């Protein structure tokens, strides 16, 4: 089965470094979407909040993880995931 001519040469594109700069598409100056942040997201972005940070607790947890002594409480994680889902959905799941 013959697909093409034997004399046909393959098409070779120029390397990226040799392509013309004016061939790039022109970006629009108009925004394509409007984004609004929730009040909680705005607090995270601006860095506002209670500002509490317990460096000693972080050090204790990091040391426990490094030493292999950190214990995970799967029940507490599951409970907090359910509460978080309820908050996001705005209702009680149970």
PDB file of N, CA and C in Angstrom:
ATOM      1  N   UNK A   1       0.847  -1.173   0.000  1.00  0.00           N
ATOM      2  CA  UNK A   1       0.000   0.000   0.000  1.00  0.00           C
ATOM      3  C   UNK A   1       0.885   1.226   0.000  1.00  0.00           C
ATOM      4  N   UNK A   2       0.690   2.094  -0.933  1.00  0.00           N
ATOM      5  CA  UNK A   2       1.496   3.288  -1.079  1.00  0.00           C
ATOM      6  C   UNK A   2       0.682   4.492  -0.597  1.00  0.00           C
ATOM      7  N   UNK A   3       1.256   5.244   0.388  1.00  0.00           N
ATOM      8  CA  UNK A   3       0.543   6.392   0.941  1.00  0.00           C
ATOM      9  C   UNK A   3       0.949   7.679   0.261  1.00  0.00           C
ATOM     10  N   UNK A   4       2.195   7.864   0.001  1.00  0.00           N
ATOM     11  CA  UNK A   4       2.644   9.111  -0.597  1.00  0.00           C
ATOM     12  C   UNK A   4       3.735   8.855  -1.601  1.00  0.00           C
ATOM     13  N   UNK A   5       4.097   9.903  -2.276  1.00  0.00           N
ATOM     14  CA  UNK A   5       5.159   9.810  -3.266  1.00  0.00           C
ATOM     15  C   UNK A   5       6.491   9.584  -2.569  1.00  0.00           C
ATOM     16  N   UNK A   6       7.332   8.805  -3.185  1.00  0.00           N
ATOM     17  CA  UNK A   6       8.668   8.564  -2.648  1.00  0.00           C
ATOM     18  C   UNK A   6       9.489   9.840  -2.682  1.00  0.00           C
ATOM     19  N   UNK A   7       9.201  10.709  -3.656  1.00  0.00           N
ATOM     20  CA  UNK A   7       9.950  11.948  -3.804  1.00  0.00           C
ATOM     21  C   UNK A   7       9.504  13.033  -2.824  1.00  0.00           C
ATOM     22  N   UNK A   8       8.409  12.817  -2.108  1.00  0.00           N
ATOM     23  CA  UNK A   8       7.889  13.847  -1.205  1.00  0.00           C
ATOM     24  C   UNK A   8       8.852  14.034  -0.034  1.00  0.00           C
ATOM     25  N   UNK A   9       9.122  15.275   0.284  1.00  0.00           N
ATOM     26  CA  UNK A   9      10.018  15.612   1.388  1.00  0.00           C
ATOM     27  C   UNK A   9       9.177  15.922   2.629  1.00  0.00           C
ATOM     28  N   UNK A  10       9.605  15.514   3.805  1.00  0.00           N
ATOM     29  CA  UNK A  10       8.851  15.833   5.023  1.00  0.00           C
ATOM     30  C   UNK A  10       8.923  17.334   5.325  1.00  0.00           C
ATOM     31  N   UNK A  11       7.858  17.841   5.928  1.00  0.00           N
ATOM     32  CA  UNK A  11       7.807  19.246   6.304  1.00  0.00           C
ATOM     33  C   UNK A  11       8.563  19.416   7.615  1.00  0.00           C
ATOM     34  N   UNK A  12       9.506  20.347   7.622  1.00  0.00           N
ATOM     35  CA  UNK A  12      10.310  20.598   8.815  1.00  0.00           C
ATOM     36  C   UNK A  12      10.041  22.020   9.269  1.00  0.00           C
ATOM     37  N   UNK A  13       9.614  22.160  10.539  1.00  0.00           N
ATOM     38  CA  UNK A  13       9.372  23.499  11.083  1.00  0.00           C
ATOM     39  C   UNK A  13      10.673  24.079  11.604  1.00  0.00           C
ATOM     40  N   UNK A  14      10.736  25.401  11.586  1.00  0.00           N
ATOM     41  CA  UNK A  14      11.915  26.093  12.117  1.00  0.00           C
ATOM     42  C   UNK A  14      11.958  25.918  13.631  1.00  0.00           C
ATOM     43  N   UNK A  15      13.149  25.830  14.203  1.00  0.00           N
ATOM     44  CA  UNK A  15      13.250  25.753  15.668  1.00  0.00           C
ATOM     45  C   UNK A  15      12.596  26.967  16.311  1.00  0.00           C
ATOM     46  N   UNK A  16      12.167  26.796  17.546  1.00  0.00           N
ATOM     47  CA  UNK A  16      11.478  27.865  18.267  1.00  0.00           C
ATOM     48  C   UNK A  16      12.311  29.136  18.299  1.00  0.00           C
ATOM     49  N   UNK A  17      13.618  29.015  18.452  1.00  0.00           N
ATOM     50  CA  UNK A  17      14.482  30.191  18.541  1.00  0.00           C
ATOM     51  C   UNK A  17      14.528  30.980  17.234  1.00  0.00           C
ATOM     52  N   UNK A  18      14.179  30.342  16.106  1.00  0.00           N
ATOM     53  CA  UNK A  18      14.248  31.023  14.821  1.00  0.00           C
ATOM     54  C   UNK A  18      12.887  31.525  14.343  1.00  0.00           C
ATOM     55  N   UNK A  19      11.840  31.279  15.090  1.00  0.00           N
ATOM     56  CA  UNK A  19      10.507  31.734  14.675  1.00  0.00           C
ATOM     57  C   UNK A  19      10.383  33.230  14.861  1.00  0.00           C
ATOM     58  N   UNK A  20       9.587  33.831  14.011  1.00  0.00           N
ATOM     59  CA  UNK A  20       9.430  35.280  14.065  1.00  0.00           C
ATOM     60  C   UNK A  20       8.584  35.684  15.258  1.00  0.00           C
ATOM     61  N   UNK A  21       8.976  36.777  15.895  1.00  0.00           N
ATOM     62  CA  UNK A  21       8.259  37.263  17.063  1.00  0.00           C
ATOM     63  C   UNK A  21       6.883  37.804  16.689  1.00  0.00           C
ATOM     64  N   UNK A  22       6.740  38.358  15.496  1.00  0.00           N
ATOM     65  CA  UNK A  22       5.461  38.948  15.111  1.00  0.00           C
ATOM     66  C   UNK A  22       4.426  37.888  14.734  1.00  0.00           C
ATOM     67  N   UNK A  23       4.779  36.631  14.771  1.00  0.00           N
ATOM     68  CA  UNK A  23       3.841  35.570  14.447  1.00  0.00           C
ATOM     69  C   UNK A  23       2.992  35.175  15.659  1.00  0.00           C
ATOM     70  N   UNK A  24       3.333  35.684  16.833  1.00  0.00           N
ATOM     71  CA  UNK A  24       2.594  35.351  18.043  1.00  0.00           C
ATOM     72  C   UNK A  24       1.233  36.053  18.033  1.00  0.00           C
ATOM     73  N   UNK A  25       0.201  35.419  18.598  1.00  0.00           N
ATOM     74  CA  UNK A  25      -1.114  36.048  18.642  1.00  0.00           C
ATOM     75  C   UNK A  25      -1.094  37.270  19.560  1.00  0.00           C
ATOM     76  N   UNK A  26      -1.906  38.243  19.233  1.00  0.00           N
ATOM     77  CA  UNK A  26      -1.982  39.471  20.011  1.00  0.00           C
ATOM     78  C   UNK A  26      -2.961  39.260  21.158  1.00  0.00           C
ATOM     79  N   UNK A  27      -2.543  39.595  22.376  1.00  0.00           N
ATOM     80  CA  UNK A  27      -3.394  39.425  23.546  1.00  0.00           C
ATOM     81  C   UNK A  27      -4.415  40.549  23.613  1.00  0.00           C
ATOM     82  N   UNK A  28      -5.626  40.218  24.015  1.00  0.00           N
ATOM     83  CA  UNK A  28      -6.689  41.196  24.157  1.00  0.00           C
ATOM     84  C   UNK A  28      -6.488  41.969  25.450  1.00  0.00           C
ATOM     85  N   UNK A  29      -6.834  43.252  25.438  1.00  0.00           N
ATOM     86  CA  UNK A  29      -6.702  44.062  26.641  1.00  0.00           C
ATOM     87  C   UNK A  29      -7.957  43.978  27.497  1.00  0.00           C
ATOM     88  N   UNK A  30      -9.012  43.389  26.981  1.00  0.00           N
ATOM     89  CA  UNK A  30     -10.245  43.255  27.747  1.00  0.00           C
ATOM     90  C   UNK A  30     -10.211  41.969  28.564  1.00  0.00           C
ATOM     91  N   UNK A  31     -10.682  42.031  29.823  1.00  0.00           N
ATOM     92  CA  UNK A  31     -10.696  40.811  30.632  1.00  0.00           C
ATOM     93  C   UNK A  31     -11.681  39.797  30.061  1.00  0.00           C
ATOM     94  N   UNK A  32     -11.312  38.518  30.138  1.00  0.00           N
ATOM     95  CA  UNK A  32     -12.182  37.479  29.604  1.00  0.00           C
ATOM     96  C   UNK A  32     -13.125  36.924  30.663  1.00  0.00           C
ATOM     97  N   UNK A  33     -12.876  37.228  31.936  1.00  0.00           N
ATOM     98  CA  UNK A  33     -13.726  36.725  33.005  1.00  0.00           C
ATOM     99  C   UNK A  33     -13.671  37.673  34.187  1.00  0.00           C
ATOM    100  N   UNK A  34     -14.696  37.637  34.994  1.00  0.00           N
ATOM    101  CA  UNK A  34     -14.748  38.447  36.210  1.00  0.00           C
ATOM    102  C   UNK A  34     -14.711  37.492  37.401  1.00  0.00           C
ATOM    103  N   UNK A  35     -13.814  37.750  38.348  1.00  0.00           N
ATOM    104  CA  UNK A  35     -13.653  36.880  39.503  1.00  0.00           C
ATOM    105  C   UNK A  35     -13.946  37.678  40.758  1.00  0.00           C
ATOM    106  N   UNK A  36     -14.760  37.089  41.636  1.00  0.00           N
ATOM    107  CA  UNK A  36     -15.050  37.716  42.923  1.00  0.00           C
ATOM    108  C   UNK A  36     -14.671  36.746  44.029  1.00  0.00           C
ATOM    109  N   UNK A  37     -13.910  37.227  45.010  1.00  0.00           N
ATOM    110  CA  UNK A  37     -13.482  36.392  46.124  1.00  0.00           C
ATOM    111  C   UNK A  37     -14.480  36.477  47.264  1.00  0.00           C
ATOM    112  N   UNK A  38     -14.663  35.363  47.958  1.00  0.00           N
ATOM    113  CA  UNK A  38     -15.502  35.372  49.145  1.00  0.00           C
ATOM    114  C   UNK A  38     -14.780  36.145  50.246  1.00  0.00           C
ATOM    115  N   UNK A  39     -15.501  36.459  51.310  1.00  0.00           N
ATOM    116  CA  UNK A  39     -14.865  37.197  52.406  1.00  0.00           C
ATOM    117  C   UNK A  39     -13.759  36.372  53.049  1.00  0.00           C
ATOM    118  N   UNK A  40     -13.948  35.058  53.149  1.00  0.00           N
ATOM    119  CA  UNK A  40     -12.915  34.194  53.731  1.00  0.00           C
ATOM    120  C   UNK A  40     -11.673  34.170  52.850  1.00  0.00           C
ATOM    121  N   UNK A  41     -11.869  34.082  51.547  1.00  0.00           N
ATOM    122  CA  UNK A  41     -10.728  34.076  50.628  1.00  0.00           C
ATOM    123  C   UNK A  41     -10.014  35.415  50.653  1.00  0.00           C
ATOM    124  N   UNK A  42     -10.753  36.477  50.774  1.00  0.00           N
ATOM    125  CA  UNK A  42     -10.143  37.814  50.847  1.00  0.00           C
ATOM    126  C   UNK A  42      -9.249  37.941  52.072  1.00  0.00           C
ATOM    127  N   UNK A  43      -9.682  37.368  53.189  1.00  0.00           N
ATOM    128  CA  UNK A  43      -8.860  37.405  54.408  1.00  0.00           C
ATOM    129  C   UNK A  43      -7.561  36.642  54.209  1.00  0.00           C
ATOM    130  N   UNK A  44      -7.620  35.522  53.516  1.00  0.00           N
ATOM    131  CA  UNK A  44      -6.422  34.727  53.271  1.00  0.00           C
ATOM    132  C   UNK A  44      -5.467  35.490  52.361  1.00  0.00           C
ATOM    133  N   UNK A  45      -6.004  36.110  51.320  1.00  0.00           N
ATOM    134  CA  UNK A  45      -5.172  36.832  50.353  1.00  0.00           C
ATOM    135  C   UNK A  45      -4.496  38.031  51.001  1.00  0.00           C
ATOM    136  N   UNK A  46      -5.232  38.760  51.816  1.00  0.00           N
ATOM    137  CA  UNK A  46      -4.673  39.966  52.435  1.00  0.00           C
ATOM    138  C   UNK A  46      -3.820  39.649  53.653  1.00  0.00           C
ATOM    139  N   UNK A  47      -3.886  38.415  54.133  1.00  0.00           N
ATOM    140  CA  UNK A  47      -3.091  38.057  55.301  1.00  0.00           C
ATOM    141  C   UNK A  47      -3.739  38.469  56.602  1.00  0.00           C
ATOM    142  N   UNK A  48      -4.983  38.917  56.519  1.00  0.00           N
ATOM    143  CA  UNK A  48      -5.686  39.324  57.729  1.00  0.00           C
ATOM    144  C   UNK A  48      -6.153  38.091  58.487  1.00  0.00           C
ATOM    145  N   UNK A  49      -6.590  38.289  59.677  1.00  0.00           N
ATOM    146  CA  UNK A  49      -7.057  37.189  60.506  1.00  0.00           C
ATOM    147  C   UNK A  49      -6.533  37.396  61.900  1.00  0.00           C
ATOM    148  N   UNK A  50      -6.577  36.355  62.694  1.00  0.00           N
ATOM    149  CA  UNK A  50      -6.133  36.521  64.074  1.00  0.00           C
ATOM    150  C   UNK A  50      -4.616  36.554  64.190  1.00  0.00           C
ATOM    151  N   UNK A  51      -3.915  36.087  63.163  1.00  0.00           N
ATOM    152  CA  UNK A  51      -2.461  36.189  63.151  1.00  0.00           C
ATOM    153  C   UNK A  51      -1.756  35.263  64.114  1.00  0.00           C
ATOM    154  N   UNK A  52      -2.510  34.331  64.723  1.00  0.00           N
ATOM    155  CA  UNK A  52      -1.872  33.441  65.680  1.00  0.00           C
ATOM    156  C   UNK A  52      -1.096  32.353  64.954  1.00  0.00           C
ATOM    157  N   UNK A  53       0.096  32.119  65.445  1.00  0.00           N
ATOM    158  CA  UNK A  53       0.962  31.087  64.892  1.00  0.00           C
ATOM    159  C   UNK A  53       1.794  30.546  66.024  1.00  0.00           C
ATOM    160  N   UNK A  54       1.653  29.274  66.292  1.00  0.00           N
ATOM    161  CA  UNK A  54       2.359  28.649  67.410  1.00  0.00           C
ATOM    162  C   UNK A  54       3.591  27.931  66.869  1.00  0.00           C
ATOM    163  N   UNK A  55       4.717  28.626  66.839  1.00  0.00           N
ATOM    164  CA  UNK A  55       5.959  28.061  66.310  1.00  0.00           C
ATOM    165  C   UNK A  55       6.421  26.866  67.136  1.00  0.00           C
ATOM    166  N   UNK A  56       6.187  26.902  68.439  1.00  0.00           N
ATOM    167  CA  UNK A  56       6.605  25.798  69.305  1.00  0.00           C
ATOM    168  C   UNK A  56       5.818  24.529  68.943  1.00  0.00           C
ATOM    169  N   UNK A  57       4.532  24.678  68.647  1.00  0.00           N
ATOM    170  CA  UNK A  57       3.717  23.520  68.268  1.00  0.00           C
ATOM    171  C   UNK A  57       4.196  22.949  66.937  1.00  0.00           C
ATOM    172  N   UNK A  58       4.519  23.821  66.000  1.00  0.00           N
ATOM    173  CA  UNK A  58       5.028  23.376  64.702  1.00  0.00           C
ATOM    174  C   UNK A  58       6.333  22.605  64.893  1.00  0.00           C
ATOM    175  N   UNK A  59       7.200  23.108  65.747  1.00  0.00           N
ATOM    176  CA  UNK A  59       8.472  22.425  66.025  1.00  0.00           C
ATOM    177  C   UNK A  59       8.253  21.055  66.664  1.00  0.00           C
ATOM    178  N   UNK A  60       7.291  20.969  67.617  1.00  0.00           N
ATOM    179  CA  UNK A  60       6.996  19.686  68.264  1.00  0.00           C
ATOM    180  C   UNK A  60       6.487  18.663  67.249  1.00  0.00           C
ATOM    181  N   UNK A  61       5.577  19.098  66.384  1.00  0.00           N
ATOM    182  CA  UNK A  61       5.016  18.191  65.367  1.00  0.00           C
ATOM    183  C   UNK A  61       6.091  17.785  64.373  1.00  0.00           C
ATOM    184  N   UNK A  62       6.907  18.726  63.923  1.00  0.00           N
ATOM    185  CA  UNK A  62       7.976  18.412  62.972  1.00  0.00           C
ATOM    186  C   UNK A  62       8.962  17.418  63.569  1.00  0.00           C
ATOM    187  N   UNK A  63       9.304  17.592  64.843  1.00  0.00           N
ATOM    188  CA  UNK A  63      10.227  16.678  65.514  1.00  0.00           C
ATOM    189  C   UNK A  63       9.610  15.288  65.636  1.00  0.00           C
ATOM    190  N   UNK A  64       8.316  15.228  65.989  1.00  0.00           N
ATOM    191  CA  UNK A  64       7.636  13.937  66.109  1.00  0.00           C
ATOM    192  C   UNK A  64       7.583  13.213  64.766  1.00  0.00           C
ATOM    193  N   UNK A  65       7.323  13.940  63.700  1.00  0.00           N
ATOM    194  CA  UNK A  65       7.299  13.334  62.355  1.00  0.00           C
ATOM    195  C   UNK A  65       8.687  12.835  61.983  1.00  0.00           C
ATOM    196  N   UNK A  66       9.692  13.659  62.213  1.00  0.00           N
ATOM    197  CA  UNK A  66      11.069  13.302  61.874  1.00  0.00           C
ATOM    198  C   UNK A  66      11.525  12.063  62.650  1.00  0.00           C
ATOM    199  N   UNK A  67      11.108  11.965  63.924  1.00  0.00           N
ATOM    200  CA  UNK A  67      11.503  10.836  64.769  1.00  0.00           C
ATOM    201  C   UNK A  67      10.614   9.610  64.572  1.00  0.00           C
ATOM    202  N   UNK A  68       9.542   9.750  63.793  1.00  0.00           N
ATOM    203  CA  UNK A  68       8.631   8.636  63.572  1.00  0.00           C
ATOM    204  C   UNK A  68       7.664   8.393  64.714  1.00  0.00           C
ATOM    205  N   UNK A  69       7.464   9.401  65.567  1.00  0.00           N
ATOM    206  CA  UNK A  69       6.589   9.262  66.736  1.00  0.00           C
ATOM    207  C   UNK A  69       5.237   9.939  66.570  1.00  0.00           C
ATOM    208  N   UNK A  70       4.995  10.563  65.435  1.00  0.00           N
ATOM    209  CA  UNK A  70       3.745  11.303  65.249  1.00  0.00           C
ATOM    210  C   UNK A  70       2.594  10.327  65.043  1.00  0.00           C
ATOM    211  N   UNK A  71       1.543  10.469  65.832  1.00  0.00           N
ATOM    212  CA  UNK A  71       0.375   9.599  65.747  1.00  0.00           C
ATOM    213  C   UNK A  71      -0.777  10.354  65.076  1.00  0.00           C
ATOM    214  N   UNK A  72      -1.372   9.713  64.079  1.00  0.00           N
ATOM    215  CA  UNK A  72      -2.504  10.296  63.359  1.00  0.00           C
ATOM    216  C   UNK A  72      -3.781   9.767  63.990  1.00  0.00           C
ATOM    217  N   UNK A  73      -4.734  10.665  64.239  1.00  0.00           N
ATOM    218  CA  UNK A  73      -6.021  10.285  64.798  1.00  0.00           C
ATOM    219  C   UNK A  73      -7.052  10.309  63.665  1.00  0.00           C
ATOM    220  N   UNK A  74      -7.327   9.163  63.036  1.00  0.00           N
ATOM    221  CA  UNK A  74      -8.227   9.151  61.883  1.00  0.00           C
ATOM    222  C   UNK A  74      -9.653   9.571  62.219  1.00  0.00           C
ATOM    223  N   UNK A  75     -10.121   9.296  63.446  1.00  0.00           N
ATOM    224  CA  UNK A  75     -11.468   9.696  63.841  1.00  0.00           C
ATOM    225  C   UNK A  75     -11.592  11.219  63.889  1.00  0.00           C
ATOM    226  N   UNK A  76     -10.576  11.892  64.437  1.00  0.00           N
ATOM    227  CA  UNK A  76     -10.606  13.357  64.506  1.00  0.00           C
ATOM    228  C   UNK A  76     -10.566  13.959  63.106  1.00  0.00           C
ATOM    229  N   UNK A  77      -9.772  13.378  62.217  1.00  0.00           N
ATOM    230  CA  UNK A  77      -9.695  13.872  60.835  1.00  0.00           C
ATOM    231  C   UNK A  77     -11.038  13.703  60.146  1.00  0.00           C
ATOM    232  N   UNK A  78     -11.671  12.534  60.314  1.00  0.00           N
ATOM    233  CA  UNK A  78     -12.972  12.283  59.687  1.00  0.00           C
ATOM    234  C   UNK A  78     -14.026  13.258  60.220  1.00  0.00           C
ATOM    235  N   UNK A  79     -14.036  13.479  61.544  1.00  0.00           N
ATOM    236  CA  UNK A  79     -15.002  14.405  62.130  1.00  0.00           C
ATOM    237  C   UNK A  79     -14.825  15.821  61.579  1.00  0.00           C
ATOM    238  N   UNK A  80     -13.590  16.268  61.459  1.00  0.00           N
ATOM    239  CA  UNK A  80     -13.338  17.616  60.954  1.00  0.00           C
ATOM    240  C   UNK A  80     -13.678  17.734  59.472  1.00  0.00           C
ATOM    241  N   UNK A  81     -13.455  16.663  58.703  1.00  0.00           N
ATOM    242  CA  UNK A  81     -13.849  16.677  57.293  1.00  0.00           C
ATOM    243  C   UNK A  81     -15.359  16.806  57.146  1.00  0.00           C
ATOM    244  N   UNK A  82     -16.103  16.099  57.991  1.00  0.00           N
ATOM    245  CA  UNK A  82     -17.568  16.180  57.937  1.00  0.00           C
ATOM    246  C   UNK A  82     -18.041  17.579  58.309  1.00  0.00           C
ATOM    247  N   UNK A  83     -17.488  18.156  59.360  1.00  0.00           N
ATOM    248  CA  UNK A  83     -17.860  19.519  59.769  1.00  0.00           C
ATOM    249  C   UNK A  83     -17.536  20.509  58.659  1.00  0.00           C
ATOM    250  N   UNK A  84     -16.370  20.356  58.034  1.00  0.00           N
ATOM    251  CA  UNK A  84     -15.982  21.245  56.950  1.00  0.00           C
ATOM    252  C   UNK A  84     -16.935  21.115  55.766  1.00  0.00           C
ATOM    253  N   UNK A  85     -17.324  19.892  55.428  1.00  0.00           N
ATOM    254  CA  UNK A  85     -18.273  19.673  54.329  1.00  0.00           C
ATOM    255  C   UNK A  85     -19.618  20.301  54.657  1.00  0.00           C
ATOM    256  N   UNK A  86     -20.055  20.170  55.897  1.00  0.00           N
ATOM    257  CA  UNK A  86     -21.323  20.783  56.318  1.00  0.00           C
ATOM    258  C   UNK A  86     -21.268  22.298  56.182  1.00  0.00           C
ATOM    259  N   UNK A  87     -20.138  22.890  56.569  1.00  0.00           N
ATOM    260  CA  UNK A  87     -19.991  24.339  56.437  1.00  0.00           C
ATOM    261  C   UNK A  87     -20.029  24.758  54.975  1.00  0.00           C
ATOM    262  N   UNK A  88     -19.352  24.008  54.122  1.00  0.00           N
ATOM    263  CA  UNK A  88     -19.331  24.351  52.689  1.00  0.00           C
ATOM    264  C   UNK A  88     -20.712  24.210  52.064  1.00  0.00           C
ATOM    265  N   UNK A  89     -21.451  23.195  52.474  1.00  0.00           N
ATOM    266  CA  UNK A  89     -22.782  22.966  51.916  1.00  0.00           C
ATOM    267  C   UNK A  89     -23.847  23.815  52.608  1.00  0.00           C
ATOM    268  N   UNK A  90     -23.511  24.375  53.755  1.00  0.00           N
ATOM    269  CA  UNK A  90     -24.445  25.239  54.461  1.00  0.00           C
ATOM    270  C   UNK A  90     -25.564  24.470  55.142  1.00  0.00           C
ATOM    271  N   UNK A  91     -25.327  23.209  55.474  1.00  0.00           N
ATOM    272  CA  UNK A  91     -26.363  22.425  56.135  1.00  0.00           C
ATOM    273  C   UNK A  91     -25.713  21.268  56.898  1.00  0.00           C
ATOM    274  N   UNK A  92     -26.520  20.637  57.739  1.00  0.00           N
ATOM    275  CA  UNK A  92     -26.074  19.458  58.487  1.00  0.00           C
ATOM    276  C   UNK A  92     -26.258  18.224  57.635  1.00  0.00           C
ATOM    277  N   UNK A  93     -25.239  17.334  57.590  1.00  0.00           N
ATOM    278  CA  UNK A  93     -25.333  16.110  56.810  1.00  0.00           C
ATOM    279  C   UNK A  93     -25.993  14.986  57.593  1.00  0.00           C
ATOM    280  N   UNK A  94     -25.879  15.010  58.904  1.00  0.00           N
ATOM    281  CA  UNK A  94     -26.429  13.911  59.685  1.00  0.00           C
ATOM    282  C   UNK A  94     -27.720  14.286  60.361  1.00  0.00           C
TER     283      UNK A  94
END
